[in-house]
PDB file of N, CA and C in Angstrom:
ATOM      1  N   UNK A   1     -59.739  70.276-236.499  1.00  0.00           N
ATOM      2  CA  UNK A   1     -60.680  69.212-236.820  1.00  0.00           C
ATOM      3  C   UNK A   1     -61.503  68.864-235.574  1.00  0.00           C
ATOM      4  N   UNK A   2     -62.789  68.800-235.749  1.00  0.00           N
ATOM      5  CA  UNK A   2     -63.689  68.541-234.635  1.00  0.00           C
ATOM      6  C   UNK A   2     -63.751  67.049-234.335  1.00  0.00           C
ATOM      7  N   UNK A   3     -63.683  66.685-233.065  1.00  0.00           N
ATOM      8  CA  UNK A   3     -63.795  65.289-232.674  1.00  0.00           C
ATOM      9  C   UNK A   3     -65.261  64.894-232.626  1.00  0.00           C
ATOM     10  N   UNK A   4     -65.508  63.651-233.005  1.00  0.00           N
ATOM     11  CA  UNK A   4     -66.863  63.112-232.967  1.00  0.00           C
ATOM     12  C   UNK A   4     -66.927  62.102-231.832  1.00  0.00           C
ATOM     13  N   UNK A   5     -67.937  62.189-231.052  1.00  0.00           N
ATOM     14  CA  UNK A   5     -68.100  61.274-229.929  1.00  0.00           C
ATOM     15  C   UNK A   5     -69.368  60.464-230.141  1.00  0.00           C
ATOM     16  N   UNK A   6     -69.235  59.158-230.057  1.00  0.00           N
ATOM     17  CA  UNK A   6     -70.375  58.266-230.194  1.00  0.00           C
ATOM     18  C   UNK A   6     -70.836  57.832-228.812  1.00  0.00           C
ATOM     19  N   UNK A   7     -72.122  57.894-228.593  1.00  0.00           N
ATOM     20  CA  UNK A   7     -72.714  57.442-227.345  1.00  0.00           C
ATOM     21  C   UNK A   7     -73.783  56.420-227.703  1.00  0.00           C
ATOM     22  N   UNK A   8     -73.693  55.243-227.079  1.00  0.00           N
ATOM     23  CA  UNK A   8     -74.652  54.185-227.387  1.00  0.00           C
ATOM     24  C   UNK A   8     -75.127  53.534-226.099  1.00  0.00           C
ATOM     25  N   UNK A   9     -76.346  53.081-226.120  1.00  0.00           N
ATOM     26  CA  UNK A   9     -76.916  52.367-224.995  1.00  0.00           C
ATOM     27  C   UNK A   9     -76.507  50.901-225.124  1.00  0.00           C
ATOM     28  N   UNK A  10     -75.786  50.376-224.154  1.00  0.00           N
ATOM     29  CA  UNK A  10     -75.285  49.004-224.232  1.00  0.00           C
ATOM     30  C   UNK A  10     -76.407  47.971-224.266  1.00  0.00           C
ATOM     31  N   UNK A  11     -77.598  48.307-223.811  1.00  0.00           N
ATOM     32  CA  UNK A  11     -78.721  47.370-223.865  1.00  0.00           C
ATOM     33  C   UNK A  11     -79.135  47.071-225.307  1.00  0.00           C
ATOM     34  N   UNK A  12     -78.854  47.991-226.223  1.00  0.00           N
ATOM     35  CA  UNK A  12     -79.195  47.763-227.627  1.00  0.00           C
ATOM     36  C   UNK A  12     -78.397  46.621-228.236  1.00  0.00           C
ATOM     37  N   UNK A  13     -77.189  46.358-227.728  1.00  0.00           N
ATOM     38  CA  UNK A  13     -76.371  45.284-228.283  1.00  0.00           C
ATOM     39  C   UNK A  13     -77.018  43.921-228.063  1.00  0.00           C
ATOM     40  N   UNK A  14     -77.694  43.762-226.930  1.00  0.00           N
ATOM     41  CA  UNK A  14     -78.309  42.465-226.630  1.00  0.00           C
ATOM     42  C   UNK A  14     -79.459  42.137-227.574  1.00  0.00           C
ATOM     43  N   UNK A  15     -79.978  43.109-228.301  1.00  0.00           N
ATOM     44  CA  UNK A  15     -81.057  42.873-229.262  1.00  0.00           C
ATOM     45  C   UNK A  15     -80.541  42.193-230.528  1.00  0.00           C
ATOM     46  N   UNK A  16     -79.290  42.449-230.872  1.00  0.00           N
ATOM     47  CA  UNK A  16     -78.723  41.948-232.118  1.00  0.00           C
ATOM     48  C   UNK A  16     -78.193  40.537-231.890  1.00  0.00           C
ATOM     49  N   UNK A  17     -78.615  39.565-232.721  1.00  0.00           N
ATOM     50  CA  UNK A  17     -78.129  38.181-232.565  1.00  0.00           C
ATOM     51  C   UNK A  17     -76.600  38.130-232.601  1.00  0.00           C
ATOM     52  N   UNK A  18     -76.013  37.413-231.670  1.00  0.00           N
ATOM     53  CA  UNK A  18     -74.570  37.313-231.582  1.00  0.00           C
ATOM     54  C   UNK A  18     -73.947  38.444-230.794  1.00  0.00           C
ATOM     55  N   UNK A  19     -74.714  39.471-230.509  1.00  0.00           N
ATOM     56  CA  UNK A  19     -74.306  40.627-229.731  1.00  0.00           C
ATOM     57  C   UNK A  19     -72.950  41.202-230.147  1.00  0.00           C
ATOM     58  N   UNK A  20     -72.824  41.643-231.384  1.00  0.00           N
ATOM     59  CA  UNK A  20     -71.558  42.243-231.804  1.00  0.00           C
ATOM     60  C   UNK A  20     -71.356  43.598-231.135  1.00  0.00           C
ATOM     61  N   UNK A  21     -70.129  43.992-231.007  1.00  0.00           N
ATOM     62  CA  UNK A  21     -69.846  45.333-230.490  1.00  0.00           C
ATOM     63  C   UNK A  21     -69.896  46.268-231.690  1.00  0.00           C
ATOM     64  N   UNK A  22     -70.954  47.020-231.773  1.00  0.00           N
ATOM     65  CA  UNK A  22     -71.182  47.906-232.914  1.00  0.00           C
ATOM     66  C   UNK A  22     -71.664  49.244-232.394  1.00  0.00           C
ATOM     67  N   UNK A  23     -70.749  50.033-231.895  1.00  0.00           N
ATOM     68  CA  UNK A  23     -71.118  51.303-231.276  1.00  0.00           C
ATOM     69  C   UNK A  23     -71.718  52.290-232.257  1.00  0.00           C
ATOM     70  N   UNK A  24     -71.492  52.074-233.551  1.00  0.00           N
ATOM     71  CA  UNK A  24     -71.996  53.008-234.550  1.00  0.00           C
ATOM     72  C   UNK A  24     -73.442  52.698-234.971  1.00  0.00           C
ATOM     73  N   UNK A  25     -74.015  51.627-234.436  1.00  0.00           N
ATOM     74  CA  UNK A  25     -75.383  51.242-234.785  1.00  0.00           C
ATOM     75  C   UNK A  25     -76.348  52.283-234.239  1.00  0.00           C
ATOM     76  N   UNK A  26     -77.203  52.766-235.111  1.00  0.00           N
ATOM     77  CA  UNK A  26     -78.162  53.789-234.704  1.00  0.00           C
ATOM     78  C   UNK A  26     -79.343  53.172-233.961  1.00  0.00           C
ATOM     79  N   UNK A  27     -80.104  54.013-233.296  1.00  0.00           N
ATOM     80  CA  UNK A  27     -81.321  53.558-232.618  1.00  0.00           C
ATOM     81  C   UNK A  27     -82.294  52.945-233.617  1.00  0.00           C
ATOM     82  N   UNK A  28     -82.384  53.534-234.794  1.00  0.00           N
ATOM     83  CA  UNK A  28     -83.283  53.019-235.835  1.00  0.00           C
ATOM     84  C   UNK A  28     -82.891  51.608-236.236  1.00  0.00           C
ATOM     85  N   UNK A  29     -81.592  51.381-236.444  1.00  0.00           N
ATOM     86  CA  UNK A  29     -81.125  50.057-236.839  1.00  0.00           C
ATOM     87  C   UNK A  29     -81.366  49.034-235.735  1.00  0.00           C
ATOM     88  N   UNK A  30     -81.017  49.365-234.508  1.00  0.00           N
ATOM     89  CA  UNK A  30     -81.191  48.407-233.419  1.00  0.00           C
ATOM     90  C   UNK A  30     -82.662  48.104-233.162  1.00  0.00           C
ATOM     91  N   UNK A  31     -83.557  49.037-233.489  1.00  0.00           N
ATOM     92  CA  UNK A  31     -84.993  48.773-233.292  1.00  0.00           C
ATOM     93  C   UNK A  31     -85.518  47.722-234.269  1.00  0.00           C
ATOM     94  N   UNK A  32     -84.780  47.449-235.347  1.00  0.00           N
ATOM     95  CA  UNK A  32     -85.194  46.409-236.295  1.00  0.00           C
ATOM     96  C   UNK A  32     -85.206  45.030-235.648  1.00  0.00           C
ATOM     97  N   UNK A  33     -84.449  44.857-234.574  1.00  0.00           N
ATOM     98  CA  UNK A  33     -84.357  43.569-233.902  1.00  0.00           C
ATOM     99  C   UNK A  33     -85.337  43.437-232.748  1.00  0.00           C
ATOM    100  N   UNK A  34     -86.188  44.426-232.545  1.00  0.00           N
ATOM    101  CA  UNK A  34     -87.153  44.377-231.450  1.00  0.00           C
ATOM    102  C   UNK A  34     -88.292  43.401-231.699  1.00  0.00           C
ATOM    103  N   UNK A  35     -88.680  43.204-232.938  1.00  0.00           N
ATOM    104  CA  UNK A  35     -89.819  42.348-233.264  1.00  0.00           C
ATOM    105  C   UNK A  35     -89.447  40.876-233.354  1.00  0.00           C
ATOM    106  N   UNK A  36     -90.346  40.107-233.917  1.00  0.00           N
ATOM    107  CA  UNK A  36     -90.108  38.681-234.120  1.00  0.00           C
ATOM    108  C   UNK A  36     -88.978  38.472-235.123  1.00  0.00           C
ATOM    109  N   UNK A  37     -88.290  37.351-234.989  1.00  0.00           N
ATOM    110  CA  UNK A  37     -87.247  37.030-235.968  1.00  0.00           C
ATOM    111  C   UNK A  37     -87.916  36.468-237.223  1.00  0.00           C
ATOM    112  N   UNK A  38     -87.202  36.445-238.295  1.00  0.00           N
ATOM    113  CA  UNK A  38     -87.764  35.988-239.568  1.00  0.00           C
ATOM    114  C   UNK A  38     -88.155  34.509-239.505  1.00  0.00           C
ATOM    115  N   UNK A  39     -87.519  33.749-238.614  1.00  0.00           N
ATOM    116  CA  UNK A  39     -87.867  32.330-238.492  1.00  0.00           C
ATOM    117  C   UNK A  39     -89.290  32.137-237.973  1.00  0.00           C
ATOM    118  N   UNK A  40     -89.866  33.176-237.393  1.00  0.00           N
ATOM    119  CA  UNK A  40     -91.246  33.088-236.932  1.00  0.00           C
ATOM    120  C   UNK A  40     -92.258  33.154-238.063  1.00  0.00           C
ATOM    121  N   UNK A  41     -91.806  33.533-239.259  1.00  0.00           N
ATOM    122  CA  UNK A  41     -92.699  33.668-240.405  1.00  0.00           C
ATOM    123  C   UNK A  41     -92.652  32.484-241.357  1.00  0.00           C
ATOM    124  N   UNK A  42     -91.636  31.659-241.235  1.00  0.00           N
ATOM    125  CA  UNK A  42     -91.542  30.499-242.110  1.00  0.00           C
ATOM    126  C   UNK A  42     -90.139  29.930-242.085  1.00  0.00           C
ATOM    127  N   UNK A  43     -90.005  28.760-242.656  1.00  0.00           N
ATOM    128  CA  UNK A  43     -88.710  28.081-242.704  1.00  0.00           C
ATOM    129  C   UNK A  43     -87.970  28.460-243.983  1.00  0.00           C
ATOM    130  N   UNK A  44     -86.674  28.648-243.857  1.00  0.00           N
ATOM    131  CA  UNK A  44     -85.893  28.949-245.055  1.00  0.00           C
ATOM    132  C   UNK A  44     -85.540  27.652-245.765  1.00  0.00           C
ATOM    133  N   UNK A  45     -85.408  27.733-247.057  1.00  0.00           N
ATOM    134  CA  UNK A  45     -85.091  26.570-247.886  1.00  0.00           C
ATOM    135  C   UNK A  45     -83.982  26.934-248.843  1.00  0.00           C
ATOM    136  N   UNK A  46     -83.316  25.922-249.351  1.00  0.00           N
ATOM    137  CA  UNK A  46     -82.291  26.154-250.361  1.00  0.00           C
ATOM    138  C   UNK A  46     -82.970  26.500-251.673  1.00  0.00           C
ATOM    139  N   UNK A  47     -82.391  27.432-252.392  1.00  0.00           N
ATOM    140  CA  UNK A  47     -82.953  27.859-253.670  1.00  0.00           C
ATOM    141  C   UNK A  47     -82.542  26.928-254.800  1.00  0.00           C
ATOM    142  N   UNK A  48     -82.392  27.495-255.970  1.00  0.00           N
ATOM    143  CA  UNK A  48     -82.023  26.743-257.156  1.00  0.00           C
ATOM    144  C   UNK A  48     -80.669  26.080-256.969  1.00  0.00           C
ATOM    145  N   UNK A  49     -80.577  24.802-257.333  1.00  0.00           N
ATOM    146  CA  UNK A  49     -79.340  24.051-257.192  1.00  0.00           C
ATOM    147  C   UNK A  49     -79.152  23.170-258.420  1.00  0.00           C
ATOM    148  N   UNK A  50     -77.903  23.056-258.868  1.00  0.00           N
ATOM    149  CA  UNK A  50     -77.628  22.246-260.047  1.00  0.00           C
ATOM    150  C   UNK A  50     -77.424  20.785-259.690  1.00  0.00           C
ATOM    151  N   UNK A  51     -76.881  20.520-258.519  1.00  0.00           N
ATOM    152  CA  UNK A  51     -76.557  19.153-258.138  1.00  0.00           C
ATOM    153  C   UNK A  51     -75.145  18.775-258.546  1.00  0.00           C
ATOM    154  N   UNK A  52     -74.601  19.464-259.559  1.00  0.00           N
ATOM    155  CA  UNK A  52     -73.243  19.195-260.018  1.00  0.00           C
ATOM    156  C   UNK A  52     -72.732  20.436-260.745  1.00  0.00           C
ATOM    157  N   UNK A  53     -72.171  21.374-260.026  1.00  0.00           N
ATOM    158  CA  UNK A  53     -71.740  22.645-260.612  1.00  0.00           C
ATOM    159  C   UNK A  53     -70.680  22.468-261.688  1.00  0.00           C
ATOM    160  N   UNK A  54     -69.740  21.539-261.499  1.00  0.00           N
ATOM    161  CA  UNK A  54     -68.694  21.321-262.498  1.00  0.00           C
ATOM    162  C   UNK A  54     -69.278  20.920-263.846  1.00  0.00           C
ATOM    163  N   UNK A  55     -70.354  20.210-263.810  1.00  0.00           N
ATOM    164  CA  UNK A  55     -70.968  19.725-265.051  1.00  0.00           C
ATOM    165  C   UNK A  55     -71.928  20.730-265.677  1.00  0.00           C
ATOM    166  N   UNK A  56     -72.706  21.418-264.852  1.00  0.00           N
ATOM    167  CA  UNK A  56     -73.809  22.213-265.379  1.00  0.00           C
ATOM    168  C   UNK A  56     -73.593  23.720-265.418  1.00  0.00           C
ATOM    169  N   UNK A  57     -72.628  24.250-264.695  1.00  0.00           N
ATOM    170  CA  UNK A  57     -72.416  25.699-264.693  1.00  0.00           C
ATOM    171  C   UNK A  57     -71.245  26.078-265.592  1.00  0.00           C
ATOM    172  N   UNK A  58     -71.423  27.143-266.351  1.00  0.00           N
ATOM    173  CA  UNK A  58     -70.383  27.668-267.228  1.00  0.00           C
ATOM    174  C   UNK A  58     -70.280  29.171-267.015  1.00  0.00           C
ATOM    175  N   UNK A  59     -69.098  29.690-267.206  1.00  0.00           N
ATOM    176  CA  UNK A  59     -68.909  31.134-267.177  1.00  0.00           C
ATOM    177  C   UNK A  59     -69.487  31.700-268.469  1.00  0.00           C
ATOM    178  N   UNK A  60     -69.834  32.982-268.459  1.00  0.00           N
ATOM    179  CA  UNK A  60     -70.486  33.581-269.629  1.00  0.00           C
ATOM    180  C   UNK A  60     -69.628  33.466-270.874  1.00  0.00           C
ATOM    181  N   UNK A  61     -68.312  33.464-270.750  1.00  0.00           N
ATOM    182  CA  UNK A  61     -67.433  33.412-271.921  1.00  0.00           C
ATOM    183  C   UNK A  61     -67.199  31.992-272.420  1.00  0.00           C
ATOM    184  N   UNK A  62     -67.682  30.981-271.704  1.00  0.00           N
ATOM    185  CA  UNK A  62     -67.495  29.591-272.117  1.00  0.00           C
ATOM    186  C   UNK A  62     -68.590  29.095-273.056  1.00  0.00           C
ATOM    187  N   UNK A  63     -69.646  29.858-273.206  1.00  0.00           N
ATOM    188  CA  UNK A  63     -70.750  29.415-274.062  1.00  0.00           C
ATOM    189  C   UNK A  63     -70.960  30.399-275.208  1.00  0.00           C
ATOM    190  N   UNK A  64     -71.446  29.882-276.284  1.00  0.00           N
ATOM    191  CA  UNK A  64     -71.755  30.717-277.435  1.00  0.00           C
ATOM    192  C   UNK A  64     -73.068  31.447-277.172  1.00  0.00           C
ATOM    193  N   UNK A  65     -73.132  32.716-277.532  1.00  0.00           N
ATOM    194  CA  UNK A  65     -74.336  33.496-277.255  1.00  0.00           C
ATOM    195  C   UNK A  65     -75.558  32.964-278.001  1.00  0.00           C
ATOM    196  N   UNK A  66     -75.372  32.263-279.105  1.00  0.00           N
ATOM    197  CA  UNK A  66     -76.526  31.714-279.819  1.00  0.00           C
ATOM    198  C   UNK A  66     -77.071  30.456-279.143  1.00  0.00           C
ATOM    199  N   UNK A  67     -76.348  29.905-278.167  1.00  0.00           N
ATOM    200  CA  UNK A  67     -76.833  28.745-277.414  1.00  0.00           C
ATOM    201  C   UNK A  67     -77.347  29.146-276.033  1.00  0.00           C
ATOM    202  N   UNK A  68     -77.381  30.449-275.755  1.00  0.00           N
ATOM    203  CA  UNK A  68     -77.761  30.923-274.438  1.00  0.00           C
ATOM    204  C   UNK A  68     -78.962  31.858-274.548  1.00  0.00           C
ATOM    205  N   UNK A  69     -79.985  31.600-273.732  1.00  0.00           N
ATOM    206  CA  UNK A  69     -81.179  32.432-273.762  1.00  0.00           C
ATOM    207  C   UNK A  69     -81.968  32.249-272.478  1.00  0.00           C
ATOM    208  N   UNK A  70     -82.805  33.211-272.174  1.00  0.00           N
ATOM    209  CA  UNK A  70     -83.717  33.051-271.035  1.00  0.00           C
ATOM    210  C   UNK A  70     -85.002  32.368-271.486  1.00  0.00           C
ATOM    211  N   UNK A  71     -85.108  32.110-272.780  1.00  0.00           N
ATOM    212  CA  UNK A  71     -86.293  31.440-273.321  1.00  0.00           C
ATOM    213  C   UNK A  71     -85.987  29.973-273.579  1.00  0.00           C
ATOM    214  N   UNK A  72     -86.988  29.120-273.530  1.00  0.00           N
ATOM    215  CA  UNK A  72     -86.773  27.689-273.719  1.00  0.00           C
ATOM    216  C   UNK A  72     -86.321  27.389-275.151  1.00  0.00           C
ATOM    217  N   UNK A  73     -85.785  26.205-275.329  1.00  0.00           N
ATOM    218  CA  UNK A  73     -85.276  25.796-276.628  1.00  0.00           C
ATOM    219  C   UNK A  73     -83.777  25.977-276.758  1.00  0.00           C
ATOM    220  N   UNK A  74     -83.149  26.612-275.813  1.00  0.00           N
ATOM    221  CA  UNK A  74     -81.705  26.797-275.824  1.00  0.00           C
ATOM    222  C   UNK A  74     -81.078  25.866-274.798  1.00  0.00           C
ATOM    223  N   UNK A  75     -79.776  25.658-274.915  1.00  0.00           N
ATOM    224  CA  UNK A  75     -79.093  24.733-274.025  1.00  0.00           C
ATOM    225  C   UNK A  75     -78.644  25.388-272.719  1.00  0.00           C
ATOM    226  N   UNK A  76     -78.233  26.658-272.754  1.00  0.00           N
ATOM    227  CA  UNK A  76     -77.700  27.329-271.581  1.00  0.00           C
ATOM    228  C   UNK A  76     -78.585  28.502-271.180  1.00  0.00           C
ATOM    229  N   UNK A  77     -78.705  28.709-269.881  1.00  0.00           N
ATOM    230  CA  UNK A  77     -79.556  29.767-269.347  1.00  0.00           C
ATOM    231  C   UNK A  77     -78.768  30.588-268.336  1.00  0.00           C
ATOM    232  N   UNK A  78     -78.996  31.905-268.271  1.00  0.00           N
ATOM    233  CA  UNK A  78     -78.314  32.728-267.264  1.00  0.00           C
ATOM    234  C   UNK A  78     -78.681  32.268-265.850  1.00  0.00           C
ATOM    235  N   UNK A  79     -77.667  32.225-264.993  1.00  0.00           N
ATOM    236  CA  UNK A  79     -77.864  31.741-263.628  1.00  0.00           C
ATOM    237  C   UNK A  79     -76.895  32.483-262.720  1.00  0.00           C
ATOM    238  N   UNK A  80     -77.392  33.178-261.737  1.00  0.00           N
ATOM    239  CA  UNK A  80     -76.537  33.891-260.782  1.00  0.00           C
ATOM    240  C   UNK A  80     -76.266  32.984-259.607  1.00  0.00           C
ATOM    241  N   UNK A  81     -75.014  32.711-259.357  1.00  0.00           N
ATOM    242  CA  UNK A  81     -74.621  31.834-258.255  1.00  0.00           C
ATOM    243  C   UNK A  81     -74.264  32.680-257.057  1.00  0.00           C
TER     244      UNK A  81
END
């Protein structure tokens, strides 16, 4: 069985936020961190929120399929949490 040897430039680690030890990271991957961070393009915000998951979220098997639709007029709507 042939041994595989990984060689990495340690300066590439400083590009990645938090500087993890990731010797398997390729040059292509580490170059993704060379540019501006995503925070330079805008502020992140919280997405869709129910405000009360216990009250408003149900598992797919807890609701009748005739009360669930992606169209208005129904009581329950698909929601990926």
